[in-house]
N, C-alpha and C. Protein backbone atom coordinates (compact mmCIF):
# COMPACT_ATOMS: atom_id res chain seq x y z
N MET A 1 12.99 -5.45 2.66
CA MET A 1 11.87 -4.76 2.06
C MET A 1 10.63 -5.64 2.16
N VAL A 2 9.50 -4.98 2.22
CA VAL A 2 8.24 -5.72 2.32
C VAL A 2 7.30 -5.33 1.19
N LEU A 3 6.39 -6.23 0.91
CA LEU A 3 5.34 -6.01 -0.07
C LEU A 3 4.02 -6.05 0.69
N SER A 4 3.35 -4.93 0.72
CA SER A 4 2.05 -4.88 1.39
C SER A 4 0.99 -5.52 0.50
N VAL A 5 0.14 -6.34 1.10
CA VAL A 5 -0.97 -6.93 0.34
C VAL A 5 -1.93 -5.83 -0.11
N VAL A 6 -1.86 -4.67 0.50
CA VAL A 6 -2.68 -3.53 0.08
C VAL A 6 -2.36 -3.17 -1.37
N SER A 7 -1.08 -3.18 -1.72
CA SER A 7 -0.68 -2.86 -3.08
C SER A 7 -1.20 -3.90 -4.06
N LEU A 8 -1.14 -5.16 -3.68
CA LEU A 8 -1.67 -6.21 -4.55
C LEU A 8 -3.17 -6.07 -4.72
N TRP A 9 -3.84 -5.73 -3.64
CA TRP A 9 -5.29 -5.53 -3.67
C TRP A 9 -5.65 -4.41 -4.65
N GLU A 10 -4.91 -3.30 -4.57
CA GLU A 10 -5.17 -2.17 -5.46
C GLU A 10 -4.93 -2.55 -6.92
N VAL A 11 -3.83 -3.25 -7.19
CA VAL A 11 -3.54 -3.67 -8.56
C VAL A 11 -4.63 -4.62 -9.07
N ALA A 12 -5.05 -5.56 -8.24
CA ALA A 12 -6.08 -6.52 -8.64
C ALA A 12 -7.40 -5.82 -8.98
N ILE A 13 -7.79 -4.86 -8.15
CA ILE A 13 -9.05 -4.14 -8.40
C ILE A 13 -8.95 -3.31 -9.68
N LYS A 14 -7.88 -2.55 -9.82
CA LYS A 14 -7.74 -1.70 -11.00
C LYS A 14 -7.58 -2.53 -12.27
N SER A 15 -6.91 -3.65 -12.18
CA SER A 15 -6.78 -4.54 -13.33
C SER A 15 -8.13 -5.12 -13.72
N SER A 16 -8.94 -5.49 -12.73
CA SER A 16 -10.25 -6.08 -13.01
C SER A 16 -11.20 -5.06 -13.65
N LEU A 17 -10.93 -3.78 -13.44
CA LEU A 17 -11.74 -2.72 -14.04
C LEU A 17 -11.34 -2.44 -15.49
N GLY A 18 -10.30 -3.13 -15.95
CA GLY A 18 -9.87 -2.95 -17.34
C GLY A 18 -9.08 -1.68 -17.58
N ARG A 19 -8.48 -1.14 -16.53
CA ARG A 19 -7.70 0.09 -16.69
C ARG A 19 -6.47 -0.17 -17.54
N ALA A 20 -6.26 0.68 -18.52
CA ALA A 20 -5.13 0.53 -19.44
C ALA A 20 -3.79 0.63 -18.72
N ASP A 21 -3.74 1.39 -17.62
CA ASP A 21 -2.48 1.57 -16.90
C ASP A 21 -2.21 0.45 -15.88
N PHE A 22 -3.04 -0.56 -15.84
CA PHE A 22 -2.85 -1.70 -14.95
C PHE A 22 -2.99 -3.01 -15.71
N GLN A 23 -2.15 -3.20 -16.70
CA GLN A 23 -2.15 -4.42 -17.49
C GLN A 23 -1.18 -5.42 -16.88
N VAL A 24 -1.41 -5.76 -15.63
CA VAL A 24 -0.54 -6.70 -14.93
C VAL A 24 -1.41 -7.66 -14.13
N GLU A 25 -0.98 -8.88 -14.06
CA GLU A 25 -1.69 -9.89 -13.28
C GLU A 25 -1.16 -9.81 -11.85
N ALA A 26 -2.02 -9.54 -10.90
CA ALA A 26 -1.62 -9.34 -9.50
C ALA A 26 -0.91 -10.56 -8.94
N ALA A 27 -1.38 -11.76 -9.28
CA ALA A 27 -0.75 -12.98 -8.76
C ALA A 27 0.67 -13.13 -9.29
N ALA A 28 0.87 -12.82 -10.57
CA ALA A 28 2.21 -12.90 -11.15
C ALA A 28 3.14 -11.85 -10.54
N LEU A 29 2.60 -10.66 -10.30
CA LEU A 29 3.38 -9.60 -9.65
C LEU A 29 3.82 -10.05 -8.26
N ARG A 30 2.90 -10.64 -7.52
CA ARG A 30 3.21 -11.13 -6.17
C ARG A 30 4.33 -12.15 -6.20
N LEU A 31 4.22 -13.14 -7.08
CA LEU A 31 5.24 -14.19 -7.16
C LEU A 31 6.59 -13.60 -7.55
N SER A 32 6.59 -12.66 -8.47
CA SER A 32 7.83 -12.03 -8.90
C SER A 32 8.51 -11.28 -7.75
N LEU A 33 7.73 -10.49 -7.02
CA LEU A 33 8.29 -9.70 -5.92
C LEU A 33 8.75 -10.58 -4.76
N LEU A 34 7.97 -11.62 -4.45
CA LEU A 34 8.41 -12.54 -3.40
C LEU A 34 9.67 -13.28 -3.83
N GLY A 35 9.76 -13.60 -5.12
CA GLY A 35 10.94 -14.25 -5.66
C GLY A 35 12.18 -13.37 -5.59
N GLN A 36 11.98 -12.07 -5.53
CA GLN A 36 13.09 -11.13 -5.40
C GLN A 36 13.46 -10.88 -3.95
N GLY A 37 12.81 -11.60 -3.05
CA GLY A 37 13.17 -11.52 -1.64
C GLY A 37 12.33 -10.60 -0.78
N LEU A 38 11.27 -10.01 -1.33
CA LEU A 38 10.41 -9.17 -0.51
C LEU A 38 9.58 -10.04 0.42
N ARG A 39 9.35 -9.53 1.63
CA ARG A 39 8.52 -10.22 2.61
C ARG A 39 7.12 -9.65 2.53
N GLU A 40 6.12 -10.52 2.57
CA GLU A 40 4.72 -10.08 2.45
C GLU A 40 4.21 -9.53 3.78
N LEU A 41 3.58 -8.37 3.72
CA LEU A 41 2.99 -7.74 4.90
C LEU A 41 1.47 -7.78 4.79
N PRO A 42 0.81 -8.56 5.64
CA PRO A 42 -0.65 -8.63 5.60
C PRO A 42 -1.28 -7.40 6.25
N VAL A 43 -2.56 -7.23 6.02
CA VAL A 43 -3.31 -6.19 6.72
C VAL A 43 -3.83 -6.81 8.01
N ARG A 44 -3.50 -6.18 9.12
CA ARG A 44 -3.96 -6.66 10.43
C ARG A 44 -5.00 -5.69 10.98
N ALA A 45 -5.75 -6.16 11.93
CA ALA A 45 -6.76 -5.32 12.57
C ALA A 45 -6.14 -4.04 13.12
N GLU A 46 -4.94 -4.12 13.65
CA GLU A 46 -4.24 -2.95 14.19
C GLU A 46 -4.08 -1.89 13.10
N HIS A 47 -3.79 -2.31 11.87
CA HIS A 47 -3.64 -1.37 10.76
C HIS A 47 -4.99 -0.72 10.44
N ALA A 48 -6.01 -1.55 10.32
CA ALA A 48 -7.34 -1.04 9.97
C ALA A 48 -7.83 -0.05 11.02
N LEU A 49 -7.62 -0.34 12.28
CA LEU A 49 -8.10 0.54 13.35
C LEU A 49 -7.30 1.84 13.42
N ALA A 50 -6.04 1.80 13.06
CA ALA A 50 -5.20 3.01 13.12
C ALA A 50 -5.59 4.04 12.08
N VAL A 51 -6.30 3.64 11.04
CA VAL A 51 -6.72 4.58 10.00
C VAL A 51 -7.56 5.71 10.57
N GLN A 52 -8.29 5.44 11.64
CA GLN A 52 -9.16 6.48 12.21
C GLN A 52 -8.36 7.67 12.76
N HIS A 53 -7.07 7.47 13.01
CA HIS A 53 -6.23 8.55 13.54
C HIS A 53 -5.47 9.28 12.46
N LEU A 54 -5.59 8.85 11.23
CA LEU A 54 -4.84 9.43 10.12
C LEU A 54 -5.58 10.66 9.57
N PRO A 55 -4.87 11.78 9.41
CA PRO A 55 -5.53 12.94 8.80
C PRO A 55 -5.85 12.61 7.34
N TRP A 56 -7.02 12.99 6.89
CA TRP A 56 -7.44 12.67 5.53
C TRP A 56 -6.85 13.68 4.55
N ILE A 57 -5.58 13.46 4.22
CA ILE A 57 -4.83 14.36 3.36
C ILE A 57 -5.37 14.33 1.94
N HIS A 58 -5.61 13.14 1.42
CA HIS A 58 -6.04 13.02 0.03
C HIS A 58 -7.17 12.03 -0.17
N ARG A 59 -7.63 11.40 0.89
CA ARG A 59 -8.80 10.51 0.86
C ARG A 59 -8.68 9.33 -0.10
N LYS A 60 -7.50 8.79 -0.26
CA LYS A 60 -7.29 7.59 -1.06
C LYS A 60 -7.14 6.42 -0.09
N PRO A 61 -8.14 5.55 -0.03
CA PRO A 61 -8.12 4.47 0.97
C PRO A 61 -6.87 3.59 0.92
N PHE A 62 -6.40 3.22 -0.26
CA PHE A 62 -5.22 2.37 -0.35
C PHE A 62 -4.00 3.09 0.21
N ASP A 63 -3.82 4.36 -0.16
CA ASP A 63 -2.68 5.13 0.34
C ASP A 63 -2.75 5.30 1.84
N CYS A 64 -3.94 5.54 2.36
CA CYS A 64 -4.09 5.69 3.81
C CYS A 64 -3.68 4.42 4.55
N LEU A 65 -4.11 3.29 4.04
CA LEU A 65 -3.76 2.03 4.69
C LEU A 65 -2.26 1.76 4.58
N LEU A 66 -1.66 2.09 3.46
CA LEU A 66 -0.20 1.93 3.31
C LEU A 66 0.55 2.82 4.30
N MET A 67 0.07 4.05 4.48
CA MET A 67 0.73 4.96 5.43
C MET A 67 0.60 4.45 6.85
N VAL A 68 -0.55 3.89 7.18
CA VAL A 68 -0.75 3.33 8.52
C VAL A 68 0.17 2.14 8.74
N GLN A 69 0.27 1.27 7.75
CA GLN A 69 1.18 0.13 7.89
C GLN A 69 2.61 0.62 8.08
N ASP A 70 2.99 1.63 7.34
CA ASP A 70 4.32 2.24 7.44
C ASP A 70 4.59 2.66 8.88
N GLN A 71 3.66 3.37 9.48
CA GLN A 71 3.84 3.89 10.83
C GLN A 71 3.80 2.78 11.88
N VAL A 72 2.79 1.93 11.82
CA VAL A 72 2.61 0.87 12.83
C VAL A 72 3.79 -0.10 12.82
N GLU A 73 4.27 -0.45 11.63
CA GLU A 73 5.34 -1.43 11.51
C GLU A 73 6.73 -0.83 11.57
N GLY A 74 6.82 0.51 11.64
CA GLY A 74 8.13 1.16 11.70
C GLY A 74 8.88 1.05 10.38
N LEU A 75 8.15 1.14 9.28
CA LEU A 75 8.74 1.02 7.96
C LEU A 75 8.82 2.38 7.28
N ARG A 76 9.48 2.41 6.15
CA ARG A 76 9.55 3.62 5.32
C ARG A 76 8.88 3.29 3.99
N LEU A 77 7.80 3.97 3.67
CA LEU A 77 7.03 3.72 2.46
C LEU A 77 7.76 4.23 1.23
N LEU A 78 7.94 3.35 0.26
CA LEU A 78 8.51 3.72 -1.03
C LEU A 78 7.38 3.69 -2.05
N SER A 79 7.29 4.73 -2.85
CA SER A 79 6.20 4.81 -3.82
C SER A 79 6.64 5.55 -5.07
N ALA A 80 6.13 5.10 -6.21
CA ALA A 80 6.37 5.81 -7.47
C ALA A 80 5.24 6.78 -7.76
N ASP A 81 4.27 6.89 -6.84
CA ASP A 81 3.12 7.76 -7.02
C ASP A 81 3.56 9.22 -6.87
N ARG A 82 3.52 9.96 -7.94
CA ARG A 82 3.98 11.35 -7.93
C ARG A 82 2.98 12.29 -7.29
N THR A 83 1.76 11.81 -7.00
CA THR A 83 0.77 12.68 -6.36
C THR A 83 0.94 12.70 -4.85
N ARG A 84 1.72 11.77 -4.31
CA ARG A 84 1.96 11.74 -2.86
C ARG A 84 3.03 12.76 -2.51
N ARG A 85 2.81 13.43 -1.41
CA ARG A 85 3.81 14.37 -0.91
C ARG A 85 4.86 13.59 -0.13
N PRO A 86 6.10 14.05 -0.11
CA PRO A 86 7.17 13.34 0.62
C PRO A 86 6.88 13.18 2.11
N THR A 87 6.05 14.05 2.66
CA THR A 87 5.76 14.00 4.11
C THR A 87 4.45 13.30 4.44
N ASP A 88 3.77 12.70 3.45
CA ASP A 88 2.48 12.06 3.72
C ASP A 88 2.58 10.96 4.76
N HIS A 89 3.75 10.35 4.90
CA HIS A 89 3.89 9.26 5.87
C HIS A 89 4.13 9.77 7.29
N LEU A 90 4.33 11.06 7.46
CA LEU A 90 4.63 11.61 8.78
C LEU A 90 3.36 12.03 9.50
N TRP A 91 2.91 11.22 10.42
CA TRP A 91 1.72 11.52 11.20
C TRP A 91 1.87 10.84 12.55
N LYS A 92 1.18 11.32 13.49
CA LYS A 92 1.21 10.75 14.85
C LYS A 92 -0.18 10.28 15.22
N PRO A 93 -0.31 9.00 15.60
CA PRO A 93 -1.64 8.50 16.00
C PRO A 93 -2.12 9.16 17.28
């Protein structure tokens, strides 16, 4: 399993905004997940450039980048986000 830095970025931003639903320290979350054996997945230029081919299903930049990483890296995106459709990761560049 991998941990995308995109997820850490989103948590850090939402936490810095004082959101009640993000009362977690991004650095502590990262250390905990890496300690559980997850491999860190950075954002590469290939990921950023692939976003231009993604249909704008819901216009959430973090989700779009996660879906692109999923496709480019041949991964399967796991998410607790109930607003995402099960097929959001299925797209062809």
